[in-house]
Every structure is written in C-alpha cells, then in structure tokens.
C-alpha cells in the first residue's frame, strides 16, 4: 500500500460526475529517488497504483487492475515542486458510452442498497483518471478494475495443477514493482517460482514476506536473465511441472493474461506460447526497431513468422523442451530458446497480451546496449550458419517423422 506512506489524502469531494481527491505527496519517501538521485520524480507505476488505491478508498474494498490503457504522461511529477496534486476520476461500465456517478458503498442511495456500479468479477469498472497540479494536467489514464476479494485461485489453481503449470518470475533490482507483480499473480495461482538474480536492492527483504507461500530461488551474483530462467526451469522440473509461464517483474505484464495462456495450454498442449503486445502497449521506438530486427532474423533462421519475438511473457512446454534449456545467460537466451524450439518441431504460437510502459526516464532497463547487442549479434550470426546445416534439416525431419 502506498496510501499513508507514499502519499496521503487531504480532501475528497464530488464535482458533478467526477470524484476529486486532493493528495499530499511524502517527498521524503525513498521511492522518489529510485530513478535519479537528487532529482526526485514520481514513478509511473506508482501513479497507476495511486489511482487504484484511491478507487479502493472510495469503494471500501480491495481491487485489482485487469487492464491499463490510454496512458499519457504529459509532465513529470516532482514531489518537491508538486507537494499537492489532484486526482479526478469518473467511472463507466466497459460497454457503456455514458459515464455514471460514483456511488460510495458506505453511503448508498437508500438504506441497505448497494451501488449499481460496485465492481465485481462480472461487472468490472473503467476509471478515467486525470492527475493534475494547479489545474495543469500531468497524467491521464484508463483503468479496468475488478473486486480483488473475489479470488480466482480455487478454479484456476485447479486447472493449473491439471496442466502441471507454474509461473516463473525472474527479477533483478526491481524492488519497486516486484511485490505488486507477485501479489497480482497470486490472485490466479500459488504455483509461483521467483528467481532472485543477484539483486543488490531490497529485493531479498521483500521476498522474505513470501517465504512459505511461493518457491524462491536466490543466488548472490547477478548472472543474467537467461541464467535466471534456466534456474527457474530446473526448479520447476524438480517440482514436477510440465510447463512454465514466464513474466517480467518490472510491472510491464498483466497477471490477468495468465488465464488466456492457461486456456491455450488446455486446447493446444505442447505448444510454446509467445506474448504479442497489443495496441495500447505501443513499444518505445528503440524497442520497436530491435523487435523488428529480431523478427526478421527469426524468420530467416526458422521459416516461421512472429510479430513479437522479444516478449518475455511466454508459456514454455518444459516436458517437450528436454535438452533445450538455454546455454546463453543473458537477454539473448529467450531468442535462443525460440529458435531451438522451432528447429525441434515444437509448435510456436502468438498470444495477445496487454503491456504497460513507464514514461521515458522512468523505465528501469538492465539491457547493456554495447555488450548485450554484441552478444545477440554473435548469437544470430552463429544461428544463421547453423540454420543451413542443422536447423532446416532438423525441421524437415520433425515435420516428416515427429507425430507428437
């Protein structure tokens, strides 16, 4: 919870169809210094969480974010310059074009009457929010919220167990978002493996709160995402899982998409499912160029087409990927596993997923442009040669003789 720690509520009023919160920001909170020492800013992920918690205050119930869209950061919120901000939001049903007045469950229209637009699993709400300072808009967004007290764990956990699936979350220095990601995933399943890839922030302290609730793999020295995934896969296999859904710990992915991965696993067992980012998660230009290059190389090396080969939200069919755990240790490992899976004849299918990108300057990336680009280039050079002498013959063999 950020409320009464990261920020506090000074006033709540109703203005027509809008509910307006005036907030005081706690400029001394260390999270403001997470990106630029001496130049405090409010992280985008925290702004989203702030709006969610205000909706929770209004409705008097725990909520979770099903979807985030139309996010626009127009200016940076500096807690030293903007000690007080205003959050204004209205609510409408997802399929309605008309906004409705928020009705607080603590103050229903008539005694004993619940508000018609109270959030639930079958009646989610779209919140249109504007965050401003002195009437200048800093940020705006749409959130789709559901009642978090209606847990999906009993149903989905049973289905995850039937498919022998778990969720693997590799993490390195993402303490600001890690707990939120784990909590969101825990709404769907308790079969979770978090791999702490030698984090130097307070990740270890955060994970102690989940001891006994989830599986935790940790080691002291950072070895890269590929190594973290390999450790997670090995632990999953030891625990008897046949498949693993992977997602990042930076808050970019939405746990609500796990259900879609599960449905596809039930109807297409043995397939490797690769997340494909949808329109509301337009990639930053640098990511977009790198992804397009990766897509072209993947097609050249496998004769298959994917539109989002760099997406880390995936379902790996571990039972079919024996011997395919990555031998590379960093970002190139995800591309490596895709190519080798294609060569082995494993079905690879795209899976539409939602995505959230923090604004420029706030996004935490551990990608090293020089070294990591060199490693990826060397890997692809090797795979282009291997594709001719091994990859294409192997795919032809599996196509002719592999009936599994």
Protein backbone atom coordinates (compact mmCIF):
# COMPACT_ATOMS: atom_id res chain seq x y z
CA UNK A 1 0.00 0.00 0.00
CA UNK A 2 1.25 3.48 -0.92
CA UNK A 3 -1.58 5.28 0.88
CA UNK A 4 -0.47 6.93 4.13
CA UNK A 5 3.15 6.17 3.28
CA UNK A 6 3.95 7.35 -0.23
CA UNK A 7 1.03 9.81 -0.19
CA UNK A 8 -1.93 10.84 1.97
CA UNK A 9 -5.46 12.05 1.26
CA UNK A 10 -6.16 15.67 2.25
CA UNK A 11 -9.66 16.03 0.83
CA UNK A 12 -12.27 14.16 -1.19
CA UNK A 13 -15.09 15.95 -2.98
CA UNK A 14 -17.69 15.25 -5.67
CA UNK A 15 -17.84 17.52 -8.71
CA UNK A 16 -20.73 16.51 -10.97
CA UNK A 17 -19.92 13.04 -12.30
CA UNK A 18 -16.34 13.24 -11.03
CA UNK A 19 -14.81 12.30 -7.72
CA UNK A 20 -11.88 14.55 -6.83
CA UNK A 21 -9.08 13.66 -4.42
CA UNK A 22 -6.56 16.23 -3.23
CA UNK A 23 -3.37 14.44 -2.21
CA UNK A 24 -0.25 15.33 -0.30
CA UNK A 25 2.95 13.65 -1.51
CA UNK A 26 5.52 12.47 1.04
CA UNK A 27 8.63 13.93 -0.58
CA UNK A 28 10.87 12.12 1.88
CA UNK A 29 9.84 8.66 0.68
CA UNK A 30 12.87 6.83 -0.83
CA UNK A 31 10.91 5.60 -3.87
CA UNK A 32 11.02 9.13 -5.35
CA UNK A 33 14.82 8.80 -5.55
CA UNK A 34 14.70 5.40 -7.25
CA UNK A 35 15.48 6.71 -10.74
CA UNK A 36 17.57 9.87 -10.35
CA UNK A 37 19.42 10.66 -7.14
CA UNK A 38 18.90 14.29 -6.14
CA UNK A 39 16.13 14.75 -8.71
CA UNK A 40 13.04 13.11 -7.20
CA UNK A 41 10.20 12.10 -9.52
CA UNK A 42 7.04 10.07 -9.07
CA UNK A 43 7.41 6.71 -10.88
CA UNK A 44 4.71 5.97 -13.44
CA UNK A 45 3.94 2.59 -11.87
CA UNK A 46 3.32 4.34 -8.55
CA UNK A 47 0.91 6.79 -10.18
CA UNK A 48 -1.12 3.87 -11.52
CA UNK A 49 -1.08 2.21 -8.10
CA UNK A 50 -2.11 5.50 -6.50
CA UNK A 51 -5.24 5.75 -8.67
CA UNK A 52 -6.13 2.13 -7.85
CA UNK A 53 -5.80 2.76 -4.11
CA UNK A 54 -8.00 5.85 -4.33
CA UNK A 55 -10.67 3.73 -6.00
CA UNK A 56 -10.25 1.21 -3.16
CA UNK A 57 -10.72 4.02 -0.65
CA UNK A 58 -13.84 5.14 -2.46
CA UNK A 59 -15.43 1.70 -2.69
CA UNK A 60 -14.16 0.39 0.62
CA UNK A 61 -12.94 -2.86 -0.95
CA UNK A 62 -9.71 -4.30 -2.38
CA UNK A 63 -9.44 -4.00 -6.17
CA UNK A 64 -7.07 -5.29 -8.80
CA UNK A 65 -6.16 -3.96 -12.22
CA UNK A 66 -7.45 -6.09 -15.06
CA UNK A 67 -6.29 -3.71 -17.78
CA UNK A 68 -4.49 -0.40 -18.20
CA UNK A 69 -4.85 1.69 -21.34
CA UNK A 70 -4.56 5.14 -22.93
CA UNK A 71 -1.81 6.18 -20.53
CA UNK A 72 -0.31 9.59 -21.28
CA UNK A 73 2.34 11.26 -19.14
CA UNK A 74 2.35 14.94 -20.07
CA UNK A 75 4.81 16.12 -17.44
CA UNK A 76 6.92 14.78 -14.59
CA UNK A 77 5.51 14.97 -11.06
CA UNK A 78 8.27 16.20 -8.73
CA UNK A 79 7.18 15.86 -5.06
CA UNK A 80 9.31 18.86 -4.08
CA UNK A 81 7.64 21.12 -6.62
CA UNK A 82 4.22 19.40 -6.57
CA UNK A 83 3.71 18.68 -2.89
CA UNK A 84 -0.04 18.53 -3.51
CA UNK A 85 -1.73 17.07 -6.57
CA UNK A 86 -5.31 16.46 -7.63
CA UNK A 87 -6.68 13.15 -8.92
CA UNK A 88 -10.03 13.39 -10.68
CA UNK A 89 -11.84 10.31 -11.94
CA UNK A 90 -15.17 9.13 -13.25
CA UNK A 91 -16.47 5.62 -13.85
CA UNK A 92 -18.38 3.90 -16.61
CA UNK A 93 -19.23 0.33 -17.49
CA UNK A 94 -16.80 -1.14 -20.07
CA UNK A 95 -19.52 -1.46 -22.72
CA UNK A 96 -21.19 1.86 -21.94
CA UNK A 97 -20.53 5.20 -23.61
CA UNK A 98 -22.09 7.23 -20.82
CA UNK A 99 -20.28 7.99 -17.59
CA UNK A 100 -22.01 7.28 -14.30
CA UNK A 101 -21.82 9.00 -10.95
CA UNK A 102 -19.76 7.06 -8.47
CA UNK A 103 -21.83 5.85 -5.55
CA UNK A 104 -19.91 5.02 -2.40
CA UNK A 105 -20.99 1.70 -0.80
CA UNK A 106 -20.69 3.29 2.63
CA UNK A 107 -23.26 5.89 1.62
CA UNK A 108 -25.76 4.10 -0.70
CA UNK A 109 -28.69 5.90 -2.24
CA UNK A 110 -31.13 4.12 0.02
CA UNK A 111 -30.52 2.29 3.26
CA UNK A 112 -29.31 -1.25 2.61
CA UNK A 113 -28.89 -0.63 -1.13
CA UNK A 114 -25.57 -1.39 -2.81
CA UNK A 115 -24.42 0.93 -5.60
CA UNK A 116 -25.29 -0.35 -9.05
CA UNK A 117 -21.77 0.18 -10.34
CA UNK A 118 -19.96 -1.58 -7.49
CA UNK A 119 -17.04 -3.53 -9.02
CA UNK A 120 -17.19 -7.30 -9.26
CA UNK A 121 -15.73 -10.12 -11.33
CA UNK A 122 -18.62 -9.90 -13.80
CA UNK A 123 -19.10 -6.13 -13.56
CA UNK A 124 -15.67 -4.51 -13.90
CA UNK A 125 -15.36 -0.75 -13.97
CA UNK A 126 -13.47 1.58 -16.28
CA UNK A 127 -11.98 4.52 -14.40
CA UNK A 128 -11.00 7.57 -16.43
CA UNK A 129 -8.42 9.41 -14.33
CA UNK A 130 -6.69 12.79 -14.63
CA UNK A 131 -3.78 13.74 -12.38
CA UNK A 132 -3.02 17.46 -12.23
CA UNK A 133 -1.18 20.19 -10.33
CA UNK A 134 -2.62 23.72 -10.21
CA UNK A 135 -5.06 22.75 -12.98
CA UNK A 136 -2.21 21.66 -15.29
CA UNK A 137 -2.73 18.01 -16.31
CA UNK A 138 0.32 15.85 -15.60
CA UNK A 139 -1.07 12.44 -16.50
CA UNK A 140 -4.22 10.68 -17.68
CA UNK A 141 -5.15 7.02 -17.96
CA UNK A 142 -7.92 4.41 -18.06
CA UNK A 143 -8.05 1.53 -15.58
CA UNK A 144 -10.32 -1.51 -15.67
CA UNK A 145 -10.82 -2.70 -12.08
CA UNK A 146 -12.36 -5.78 -10.51
CA UNK A 147 -13.14 -6.70 -6.93
CA UNK A 148 -10.00 -8.44 -5.62
CA UNK A 149 -11.90 -10.09 -2.78
CA UNK A 150 -13.40 -12.45 -5.37
CA UNK A 151 -10.42 -14.75 -5.69
CA UNK A 152 -9.97 -16.85 -8.82
CA UNK A 153 -7.42 -19.12 -7.14
CA UNK A 154 -9.66 -22.15 -6.43
CA UNK A 155 -10.77 -22.53 -10.06
CA UNK A 156 -7.57 -21.50 -11.82
CA UNK A 157 -5.24 -23.22 -9.39
CA UNK A 158 -7.06 -26.50 -10.03
CA UNK A 159 -6.69 -26.01 -13.78
CA UNK A 160 -3.01 -25.04 -13.40
CA UNK A 161 -2.43 -28.23 -11.41
CA UNK A 162 -4.22 -30.30 -14.04
CA UNK A 163 -1.91 -28.89 -16.71
CA UNK A 164 1.07 -29.11 -14.30
CA UNK A 165 1.89 -25.44 -14.92
CA UNK A 166 3.67 -22.88 -12.76
CA UNK A 167 4.60 -19.21 -13.13
CA UNK A 168 8.27 -18.17 -13.11
CA UNK A 169 9.24 -14.56 -12.35
CA UNK A 170 12.95 -13.72 -12.85
CA UNK A 171 13.90 -10.49 -11.10
CA UNK A 172 16.90 -8.22 -10.80
CA UNK A 173 16.73 -4.91 -8.92
CA UNK A 174 13.00 -4.35 -9.45
CA UNK A 175 12.12 -3.86 -5.79
CA UNK A 176 9.72 -1.04 -6.63
CA UNK A 177 7.38 -3.30 -8.62
CA UNK A 178 8.18 -6.86 -7.52
CA UNK A 179 5.67 -7.15 -4.65
CA UNK A 180 2.84 -5.81 -6.81
CA UNK A 181 3.64 -8.31 -9.56
CA UNK A 182 3.76 -11.26 -7.14
CA UNK A 183 0.51 -10.19 -5.44
CA UNK A 184 -1.25 -9.91 -8.81
CA UNK A 185 -0.06 -13.36 -9.89
CA UNK A 186 -1.14 -14.84 -6.54
CA UNK A 187 -4.74 -13.92 -7.39
CA UNK A 188 -4.58 -16.62 -10.06
CA UNK A 189 -2.22 -19.25 -8.73
CA UNK A 190 0.04 -20.11 -5.83
CA UNK A 191 2.33 -22.16 -8.11
CA UNK A 192 4.95 -19.42 -8.37
CA UNK A 193 8.75 -19.54 -8.60
CA UNK A 194 10.64 -16.25 -8.17
CA UNK A 195 14.31 -16.25 -9.18
CA UNK A 196 16.32 -13.51 -7.48
CA UNK A 197 19.15 -12.95 -9.96
CA UNK A 198 21.67 -11.42 -7.54
CA UNK A 199 19.68 -8.27 -6.78
CA UNK A 200 21.51 -5.55 -4.84
CA UNK A 201 18.44 -3.53 -3.79
CA UNK A 202 15.94 -4.65 -1.12
CA UNK A 203 14.52 -7.48 -3.23
CA UNK A 204 15.69 -10.09 -0.70
CA UNK A 205 13.86 -8.27 2.09
CA UNK A 206 10.68 -8.13 0.02
CA UNK A 207 10.85 -11.84 -0.76
CA UNK A 208 11.03 -12.74 2.94
CA UNK A 209 7.37 -11.69 3.14
CA UNK A 210 6.54 -14.54 0.74
CA UNK A 211 8.55 -17.29 2.41
CA UNK A 212 6.43 -20.42 2.62
CA UNK A 213 3.86 -19.02 0.17
CA UNK A 214 5.85 -19.35 -3.05
CA UNK A 215 9.06 -21.01 -4.21
CA UNK A 216 12.12 -18.71 -4.09
CA UNK A 217 15.45 -19.33 -5.83
CA UNK A 218 18.27 -16.91 -4.97
CA UNK A 219 21.98 -16.51 -5.60
CA UNK A 220 24.34 -13.67 -4.73
CA UNK A 221 25.93 -12.65 -8.05
CA UNK A 222 23.91 -11.34 -11.00
CA UNK A 223 24.25 -13.77 -13.91
CA UNK A 224 21.65 -12.55 -16.38
CA UNK A 225 18.06 -13.24 -17.35
CA UNK A 226 18.93 -16.35 -19.32
CA UNK A 227 20.62 -17.92 -16.31
CA UNK A 228 17.70 -16.91 -14.08
CA UNK A 229 15.23 -18.56 -16.46
CA UNK A 230 17.35 -21.71 -16.61
CA UNK A 231 17.42 -21.91 -12.79
CA UNK A 232 13.66 -21.37 -12.70
CA UNK A 233 13.05 -24.08 -15.30
CA UNK A 234 15.29 -26.54 -13.47
CA UNK A 235 13.46 -25.92 -10.19
CA UNK A 236 10.09 -26.26 -11.94
CA UNK A 237 11.14 -29.63 -13.40
CA UNK A 238 12.34 -30.77 -9.96
CA UNK A 239 8.92 -29.88 -8.54
CA UNK A 240 7.16 -31.92 -11.23
CA UNK A 241 5.86 -29.18 -13.52
CA UNK A 242 5.48 -29.88 -17.24
CA UNK A 243 5.26 -26.24 -18.28
CA UNK A 244 6.04 -22.73 -17.07
CA UNK A 245 4.57 -19.30 -17.76
CA UNK A 246 7.24 -16.59 -17.52
CA UNK A 247 6.64 -12.88 -16.97
CA UNK A 248 8.83 -9.94 -16.01
CA UNK A 249 8.96 -8.35 -12.57
CA UNK A 250 9.02 -4.71 -13.77
CA UNK A 251 5.23 -4.36 -13.92
CA UNK A 252 5.15 -4.41 -17.72
CA UNK A 253 2.96 -7.52 -17.92
CA UNK A 254 -0.55 -8.11 -16.58
CA UNK A 255 -1.24 -11.19 -14.47
CA UNK A 256 -4.80 -11.26 -15.80
CA UNK A 257 -3.40 -12.61 -19.10
CA UNK A 258 -2.34 -15.81 -17.31
CA UNK A 259 -5.89 -17.09 -17.76
CA UNK A 260 -5.59 -16.77 -21.55
CA UNK A 261 -2.29 -18.68 -21.53
CA UNK A 262 -3.95 -21.40 -19.47
CA UNK A 263 -6.87 -21.70 -21.90
CA UNK A 264 -4.46 -22.10 -24.83
CA UNK A 265 -2.44 -24.69 -22.92
CA UNK A 266 -5.63 -26.67 -22.38
CA UNK A 267 -6.61 -26.59 -26.06
CA UNK A 268 -3.11 -26.72 -27.59
CA UNK A 269 -0.95 -28.83 -25.25
CA UNK A 270 2.75 -28.87 -26.00
CA UNK A 271 2.83 -25.52 -27.81
CA UNK A 272 5.27 -22.72 -26.93
CA UNK A 273 3.13 -19.60 -26.50
CA UNK A 274 4.76 -16.20 -27.07
CA UNK A 275 3.12 -12.99 -25.88
CA UNK A 276 2.28 -10.48 -28.61
CA UNK A 277 1.86 -6.92 -27.38
CA UNK A 278 -1.42 -5.26 -28.25
CA UNK A 279 -2.02 -1.71 -29.50
CA UNK A 280 -2.38 0.01 -26.11
CA UNK A 281 1.16 -1.07 -25.26
CA UNK A 282 2.94 0.55 -28.20
CA UNK A 283 6.63 -0.11 -27.82
CA UNK A 284 9.11 2.74 -27.43
CA UNK A 285 10.91 3.41 -30.72
CA UNK A 286 14.18 1.72 -29.69
CA UNK A 287 12.34 -1.42 -28.58
CA UNK A 288 10.28 -1.41 -31.76
CA UNK A 289 13.33 -1.31 -34.06
CA UNK A 290 15.10 -4.06 -32.09
CA UNK A 291 11.98 -6.22 -32.11
CA UNK A 292 11.50 -5.87 -35.88
CA UNK A 293 15.12 -6.85 -36.48
CA UNK A 294 14.69 -9.84 -34.19
CA UNK A 295 11.52 -10.87 -36.03
CA UNK A 296 13.30 -10.80 -39.41
CA UNK A 297 16.20 -12.89 -38.11
CA UNK A 298 13.82 -15.40 -36.52
CA UNK A 299 12.03 -15.85 -39.85
CA UNK A 300 15.34 -16.32 -41.69
CA UNK A 301 16.51 -18.92 -39.18
CA UNK A 302 13.25 -20.88 -38.83
CA UNK A 303 10.98 -20.05 -41.82
CA UNK A 304 8.33 -19.07 -39.26
CA UNK A 305 6.80 -15.67 -38.57
CA UNK A 306 6.26 -13.99 -35.20
CA UNK A 307 5.48 -10.32 -34.61
CA UNK A 308 6.94 -10.09 -31.09
CA UNK A 309 9.96 -12.35 -30.65
CA UNK A 310 11.33 -10.26 -27.76
CA UNK A 311 8.32 -10.56 -25.48
CA UNK A 312 9.20 -12.24 -22.17
CA UNK A 313 5.59 -13.19 -21.36
CA UNK A 314 5.56 -16.81 -22.55
CA UNK A 315 4.47 -20.35 -21.82
CA UNK A 316 7.26 -22.89 -22.21
CA UNK A 317 6.27 -26.57 -22.61
CA UNK A 318 9.10 -27.91 -20.45
CA UNK A 319 8.15 -31.55 -20.98
CA UNK A 320 8.76 -31.10 -24.74
CA UNK A 321 11.85 -28.92 -24.31
CA UNK A 322 14.18 -31.50 -22.78
CA UNK A 323 17.71 -30.56 -23.73
CA UNK A 324 16.62 -27.08 -24.83
CA UNK A 325 17.35 -25.10 -21.67
CA UNK A 326 19.41 -22.04 -22.67
CA UNK A 327 23.18 -22.24 -22.92
CA UNK A 328 23.41 -18.43 -23.19
CA UNK A 329 22.97 -16.49 -20.00
CA UNK A 330 21.52 -13.07 -20.75
CA UNK A 331 18.84 -11.45 -22.93
CA UNK A 332 19.78 -13.49 -25.99
CA UNK A 333 18.61 -16.65 -24.18
CA UNK A 334 14.94 -16.01 -24.98
CA UNK A 335 15.67 -15.75 -28.71
CA UNK A 336 17.88 -18.84 -28.48
CA UNK A 337 15.10 -20.94 -26.96
CA UNK A 338 12.61 -19.80 -29.61
CA UNK A 339 14.93 -20.79 -32.45
CA UNK A 340 15.93 -24.15 -30.97
CA UNK A 341 12.29 -24.98 -30.18
CA UNK A 342 11.37 -24.26 -33.81
CA UNK A 343 14.18 -26.49 -35.02
CA UNK A 344 12.88 -29.29 -32.80
CA UNK A 345 9.46 -29.02 -34.40
CA UNK A 346 7.66 -27.55 -31.39
CA UNK A 347 4.56 -25.55 -32.29
CA UNK A 348 5.08 -21.81 -31.57
CA UNK A 349 2.00 -19.62 -31.34
CA UNK A 350 1.44 -15.93 -30.57
CA UNK A 351 -0.69 -14.95 -27.57
CA UNK A 352 -2.18 -11.41 -27.44
CA UNK A 353 -1.18 -9.74 -24.15
CA UNK A 354 -1.53 -6.31 -22.57
CA UNK A 355 1.52 -4.30 -21.67
CA UNK A 356 2.40 -1.19 -19.67
CA UNK A 357 5.40 1.03 -20.38
CA UNK A 358 6.53 3.58 -17.83
CA UNK A 359 7.25 7.02 -19.33
CA UNK A 360 10.68 7.85 -20.73
CA UNK A 361 13.21 8.47 -17.99
CA UNK A 362 11.44 6.19 -15.51
CA UNK A 363 11.76 2.84 -17.26
CA UNK A 364 14.25 0.59 -15.47
CA UNK A 365 16.20 -1.44 -18.01
CA UNK A 366 19.21 -3.65 -17.39
CA UNK A 367 19.93 -4.01 -21.10
CA UNK A 368 23.52 -3.00 -21.89
CA UNK A 369 23.46 -1.53 -25.42
CA UNK A 370 27.10 -2.31 -26.25
CA UNK A 371 27.81 -5.69 -24.70
CA UNK A 372 24.31 -7.18 -24.99
CA UNK A 373 23.91 -6.07 -28.61
CA UNK A 374 27.29 -7.68 -29.41
CA UNK A 375 26.24 -10.93 -27.72
CA UNK A 376 22.92 -11.01 -29.59
CA UNK A 377 24.67 -10.26 -32.91
CA UNK A 378 27.16 -13.09 -32.38
CA UNK A 379 24.37 -15.49 -31.44
CA UNK A 380 22.38 -14.65 -34.57
CA UNK A 381 25.46 -14.99 -36.77
CA UNK A 382 26.03 -18.48 -35.39
CA UNK A 383 22.37 -19.41 -35.78
CA UNK A 384 22.24 -18.25 -39.41
CA UNK A 385 25.05 -20.73 -40.19
CA UNK A 386 23.53 -23.46 -38.02
CA UNK A 387 20.14 -22.97 -39.66
CA UNK A 388 21.58 -24.04 -43.03
CA UNK A 389 23.41 -27.15 -41.84
CA UNK A 390 21.25 -28.20 -38.91
CA UNK A 391 18.10 -26.12 -38.35
CA UNK A 392 16.32 -26.61 -41.67
CA UNK A 393 17.19 -30.32 -41.97
CA UNK A 394 16.01 -30.84 -38.40
CA UNK A 395 12.70 -29.07 -39.04
CA UNK A 396 12.15 -31.17 -42.16
CA UNK A 397 12.86 -34.36 -40.22
CA UNK A 398 10.41 -33.45 -37.45
CA UNK A 399 7.79 -32.46 -39.98
CA UNK A 400 8.04 -35.84 -41.70
CA UNK A 401 8.51 -38.16 -38.75
CA UNK A 402 7.54 -36.45 -35.47
CA UNK A 403 3.87 -37.19 -34.83
CA UNK A 404 3.92 -35.98 -31.21
